[in-house]
Structures are given as C-alpha cells and as structure tokens.
Amino acid sequence: MIMDNDIQLLTEEANELSHILNRGNIVSAQVTKNGAL
C-alpha cells in the first residue's frame, strides 16, 4: 500500500523537478533571445 509519507515524498520530489525544469526553460528562453543558439 502507498502510505501518506510516500505521497508527501513524491510530491516534494515532483516540486523540485518542476523547479529545475522551470529554471531550464527560463535559461533556454534567454539563450534563444540572445541568439546564442
């Protein structure tokens, strides 16, 4: 069975991953804007 603790850990991991993805998107947007690609 999935415990509440597991769900909380997964949620925290998902939040961290989405923060990392958001940062990556911001960086690639800046790079594209600067024409460095």
Protein backbone atom coordinates (compact mmCIF):
# COMPACT_ATOMS: atom_id res chain seq x y z
CA MET A 1 0.00 0.00 0.00
CA ILE A 2 1.04 3.58 -0.60
CA MET A 3 1.46 5.47 2.64
CA ASP A 4 0.89 9.18 3.21
CA ASN A 5 4.63 9.58 3.79
CA ASP A 6 5.36 8.17 0.35
CA ILE A 7 2.90 10.56 -1.26
CA GLN A 8 4.47 13.51 0.57
CA LEU A 9 7.97 12.49 -0.54
CA LEU A 10 6.82 12.06 -4.14
CA THR A 11 5.11 15.44 -4.05
CA GLU A 12 8.24 17.14 -2.76
CA GLU A 13 10.34 15.42 -5.43
CA ALA A 14 7.90 16.47 -8.15
CA ASN A 15 8.03 20.06 -6.90
CA GLU A 16 11.83 20.05 -7.01
CA LEU A 17 11.82 18.59 -10.52
CA SER A 18 9.37 21.18 -11.80
CA HIS A 19 11.50 23.97 -10.30
CA ILE A 20 14.52 22.56 -12.13
CA LEU A 21 12.54 22.31 -15.37
CA ASN A 22 11.27 25.87 -14.98
CA ARG A 23 14.81 27.13 -14.47
CA GLY A 24 15.92 25.25 -17.59
CA ASN A 25 13.09 26.78 -19.60
CA ILE A 26 13.99 30.28 -18.43
CA VAL A 27 17.66 29.75 -19.32
CA SER A 28 16.86 28.37 -22.80
CA ALA A 29 14.46 31.25 -23.40
CA GLN A 30 17.19 33.76 -22.51
CA VAL A 31 19.69 31.95 -24.73
CA THR A 32 17.24 31.97 -27.63
CA LYS A 33 16.51 35.65 -27.08
CA ASN A 34 20.23 36.44 -27.13
CA GLY A 35 20.64 34.47 -30.35
CA ALA A 36 23.38 32.34 -28.84
CA LEU A 37 21.97 29.11 -30.27
